[in-house]
N, C-alpha and C. Protein backbone atom coordinates (compact mmCIF):
# COMPACT_ATOMS: atom_id res chain seq x y z
N UNK A 1 2.93 17.89 -4.28
CA UNK A 1 3.20 19.19 -3.73
C UNK A 1 2.51 20.21 -4.62
N UNK A 2 1.81 21.14 -4.01
CA UNK A 2 1.06 22.11 -4.80
C UNK A 2 1.92 23.34 -5.13
N UNK A 3 1.37 24.21 -5.94
CA UNK A 3 2.11 25.35 -6.49
C UNK A 3 2.59 26.34 -5.43
N UNK A 4 1.75 26.80 -4.50
CA UNK A 4 2.25 27.79 -3.53
C UNK A 4 3.37 27.24 -2.64
N UNK A 5 3.28 25.99 -2.25
CA UNK A 5 4.34 25.40 -1.44
C UNK A 5 5.63 25.29 -2.23
N UNK A 6 5.55 24.91 -3.49
CA UNK A 6 6.74 24.79 -4.33
C UNK A 6 7.39 26.15 -4.55
N UNK A 7 6.60 27.18 -4.79
CA UNK A 7 7.15 28.52 -4.98
C UNK A 7 7.84 28.99 -3.70
N UNK A 8 7.23 28.73 -2.55
CA UNK A 8 7.83 29.13 -1.27
C UNK A 8 9.15 28.38 -1.04
N UNK A 9 9.18 27.10 -1.35
CA UNK A 9 10.42 26.33 -1.16
C UNK A 9 11.51 26.77 -2.13
N UNK A 10 11.14 27.11 -3.36
CA UNK A 10 12.13 27.61 -4.32
C UNK A 10 12.71 28.93 -3.82
N UNK A 11 11.86 29.81 -3.31
CA UNK A 11 12.35 31.10 -2.80
C UNK A 11 13.27 30.89 -1.59
N UNK A 12 12.89 29.99 -0.70
CA UNK A 12 13.71 29.71 0.48
C UNK A 12 15.05 29.10 0.10
N UNK A 13 15.04 28.12 -0.79
CA UNK A 13 16.28 27.48 -1.20
C UNK A 13 17.17 28.42 -2.01
N UNK A 14 16.56 29.31 -2.79
CA UNK A 14 17.35 30.29 -3.53
C UNK A 14 18.04 31.25 -2.56
N UNK A 15 17.32 31.67 -1.53
CA UNK A 15 17.92 32.55 -0.52
C UNK A 15 19.05 31.83 0.22
N UNK A 16 18.85 30.57 0.56
CA UNK A 16 19.90 29.80 1.22
C UNK A 16 21.11 29.58 0.32
N UNK A 17 20.88 29.41 -0.98
CA UNK A 17 21.97 29.25 -1.93
C UNK A 17 22.80 30.53 -2.01
N UNK A 18 22.13 31.66 -2.10
CA UNK A 18 22.83 32.95 -2.16
C UNK A 18 23.60 33.19 -0.86
N UNK A 19 22.99 32.89 0.27
CA UNK A 19 23.67 33.07 1.56
C UNK A 19 24.89 32.17 1.68
N UNK A 20 24.77 30.91 1.28
CA UNK A 20 25.91 30.00 1.35
C UNK A 20 27.02 30.44 0.41
N UNK A 21 26.68 30.97 -0.75
CA UNK A 21 27.68 31.49 -1.66
C UNK A 21 28.40 32.71 -1.10
N UNK A 22 27.64 33.57 -0.43
CA UNK A 22 28.24 34.74 0.20
C UNK A 22 29.18 34.34 1.34
N UNK A 23 28.73 33.39 2.16
CA UNK A 23 29.56 32.94 3.28
C UNK A 23 30.81 32.20 2.79
N UNK A 24 30.70 31.51 1.66
CA UNK A 24 31.85 30.80 1.13
C UNK A 24 32.93 31.77 0.64
N UNK A 25 32.51 32.94 0.19
CA UNK A 25 33.47 33.92 -0.31
C UNK A 25 34.15 34.73 0.78
N UNK A 26 33.65 34.66 2.01
CA UNK A 26 34.26 35.40 3.11
C UNK A 26 35.59 34.76 3.49
N UNK A 27 36.59 35.57 3.84
CA UNK A 27 37.86 34.98 4.27
C UNK A 27 37.70 34.27 5.61
N UNK A 28 38.46 33.19 5.78
CA UNK A 28 38.33 32.38 6.99
C UNK A 28 38.87 33.11 8.22
N UNK A 29 39.89 33.90 8.06
CA UNK A 29 40.46 34.63 9.19
C UNK A 29 41.15 33.68 10.15
N UNK A 30 41.10 34.01 11.42
CA UNK A 30 41.76 33.20 12.43
C UNK A 30 40.89 32.04 12.92
N UNK A 31 39.60 32.19 12.81
CA UNK A 31 38.68 31.16 13.29
C UNK A 31 38.46 30.10 12.22
N UNK A 32 38.43 28.82 12.60
CA UNK A 32 38.13 27.79 11.60
C UNK A 32 36.66 27.84 11.20
N UNK A 33 36.39 27.39 10.00
CA UNK A 33 35.00 27.36 9.53
C UNK A 33 34.31 26.13 10.10
N UNK A 34 33.17 26.34 10.67
CA UNK A 34 32.41 25.24 11.26
C UNK A 34 31.55 24.56 10.19
N UNK A 35 30.91 25.36 9.35
CA UNK A 35 30.02 24.82 8.32
C UNK A 35 30.77 24.70 7.00
N UNK A 36 30.56 23.61 6.27
CA UNK A 36 31.18 23.48 4.94
C UNK A 36 30.35 24.24 3.90
N UNK A 37 30.62 25.54 3.77
CA UNK A 37 29.76 26.40 2.96
C UNK A 37 29.74 26.01 1.50
N UNK A 38 30.85 25.53 0.96
CA UNK A 38 30.88 25.14 -0.45
C UNK A 38 29.98 23.93 -0.70
N UNK A 39 30.00 22.97 0.21
CA UNK A 39 29.12 21.81 0.09
C UNK A 39 27.66 22.22 0.24
N UNK A 40 27.38 23.09 1.19
CA UNK A 40 26.01 23.57 1.36
C UNK A 40 25.54 24.34 0.13
N UNK A 41 26.44 25.12 -0.47
CA UNK A 41 26.10 25.84 -1.69
C UNK A 41 25.73 24.87 -2.80
N UNK A 42 26.49 23.82 -2.95
CA UNK A 42 26.21 22.81 -3.97
C UNK A 42 24.87 22.10 -3.71
N UNK A 43 24.63 21.71 -2.47
CA UNK A 43 23.38 21.00 -2.14
C UNK A 43 22.16 21.89 -2.30
N UNK A 44 22.23 23.13 -1.80
CA UNK A 44 21.10 24.04 -1.95
C UNK A 44 20.85 24.38 -3.41
N UNK A 45 21.91 24.55 -4.19
CA UNK A 45 21.76 24.84 -5.61
C UNK A 45 21.11 23.68 -6.36
N UNK A 46 21.52 22.46 -6.05
CA UNK A 46 20.94 21.29 -6.70
C UNK A 46 19.46 21.14 -6.33
N UNK A 47 19.14 21.35 -5.06
CA UNK A 47 17.74 21.26 -4.63
C UNK A 47 16.90 22.35 -5.29
N UNK A 48 17.47 23.54 -5.44
CA UNK A 48 16.75 24.63 -6.12
C UNK A 48 16.47 24.27 -7.57
N UNK A 49 17.46 23.69 -8.24
CA UNK A 49 17.28 23.30 -9.63
C UNK A 49 16.20 22.23 -9.77
N UNK A 50 16.21 21.25 -8.89
CA UNK A 50 15.20 20.18 -8.94
C UNK A 50 13.81 20.75 -8.71
N UNK A 51 13.68 21.65 -7.72
CA UNK A 51 12.36 22.24 -7.47
C UNK A 51 11.93 23.19 -8.58
N UNK A 52 12.87 23.81 -9.28
CA UNK A 52 12.49 24.64 -10.43
C UNK A 52 11.93 23.78 -11.56
N UNK A 53 12.51 22.62 -11.77
CA UNK A 53 11.96 21.69 -12.77
C UNK A 53 10.57 21.23 -12.35
N UNK A 54 10.39 20.95 -11.07
CA UNK A 54 9.07 20.56 -10.57
C UNK A 54 8.07 21.70 -10.75
N UNK A 55 8.51 22.93 -10.52
CA UNK A 55 7.63 24.08 -10.70
C UNK A 55 7.21 24.24 -12.15
N UNK A 56 8.13 24.02 -13.07
CA UNK A 56 7.80 24.09 -14.49
C UNK A 56 6.81 22.98 -14.85
N UNK A 57 6.99 21.80 -14.27
CA UNK A 57 6.04 20.71 -14.51
C UNK A 57 4.66 21.04 -13.96
N UNK A 58 4.59 21.69 -12.82
CA UNK A 58 3.30 22.09 -12.27
C UNK A 58 2.59 23.12 -13.15
N UNK A 59 3.37 23.90 -13.87
CA UNK A 59 2.78 24.91 -14.74
C UNK A 59 2.33 24.34 -16.08
N UNK A 60 2.58 23.05 -16.31
CA UNK A 60 2.02 22.40 -17.49
C UNK A 60 3.00 21.98 -18.56
N UNK A 61 4.27 22.32 -18.42
CA UNK A 61 5.26 21.92 -19.40
C UNK A 61 5.85 20.57 -19.02
N UNK A 62 5.91 19.65 -19.97
CA UNK A 62 6.45 18.32 -19.71
C UNK A 62 7.95 18.35 -19.93
N UNK A 63 8.72 17.90 -18.94
CA UNK A 63 10.18 17.91 -19.05
C UNK A 63 10.76 16.52 -19.16
N UNK A 64 9.96 15.49 -18.98
CA UNK A 64 10.46 14.12 -19.05
C UNK A 64 10.34 13.55 -20.45
N UNK A 65 10.37 12.24 -20.54
CA UNK A 65 10.20 11.58 -21.83
C UNK A 65 8.80 11.80 -22.36
N UNK A 66 8.72 11.92 -23.66
CA UNK A 66 7.42 12.12 -24.30
C UNK A 66 6.69 10.78 -24.37
N UNK A 67 5.40 10.80 -24.18
CA UNK A 67 4.59 9.59 -24.27
C UNK A 67 4.37 9.16 -25.71
N UNK A 68 4.70 10.04 -26.66
CA UNK A 68 4.48 9.75 -28.07
C UNK A 68 5.65 8.99 -28.69
N UNK A 69 6.76 8.84 -27.98
CA UNK A 69 7.92 8.16 -28.53
C UNK A 69 7.65 6.67 -28.68
N UNK A 70 8.16 6.06 -29.75
CA UNK A 70 7.89 4.61 -29.97
C UNK A 70 8.67 3.75 -29.02
C-alpha cells in the first residue's frame, strides 16, 4: 500500500472513530440502538492504530524487531 492511500485511509478511519465515539455518547432514548457503537469505536480505533504504524513504517522508521539483534 502506498503513502497517499494509507494517509487517506487513516483520515477516513479517524473520522469514523470520532463519529462512532460521538454516537456512543448519545443517549439511547426510546428507540433501541441498531448499531453497536462501542464495538465499532473499538474496531475503528484499532484499525486506525495499525494503519498509523504502517504509515510510520512507510516514512522510514522501523517499528519491528531489529535485524541487528543476535
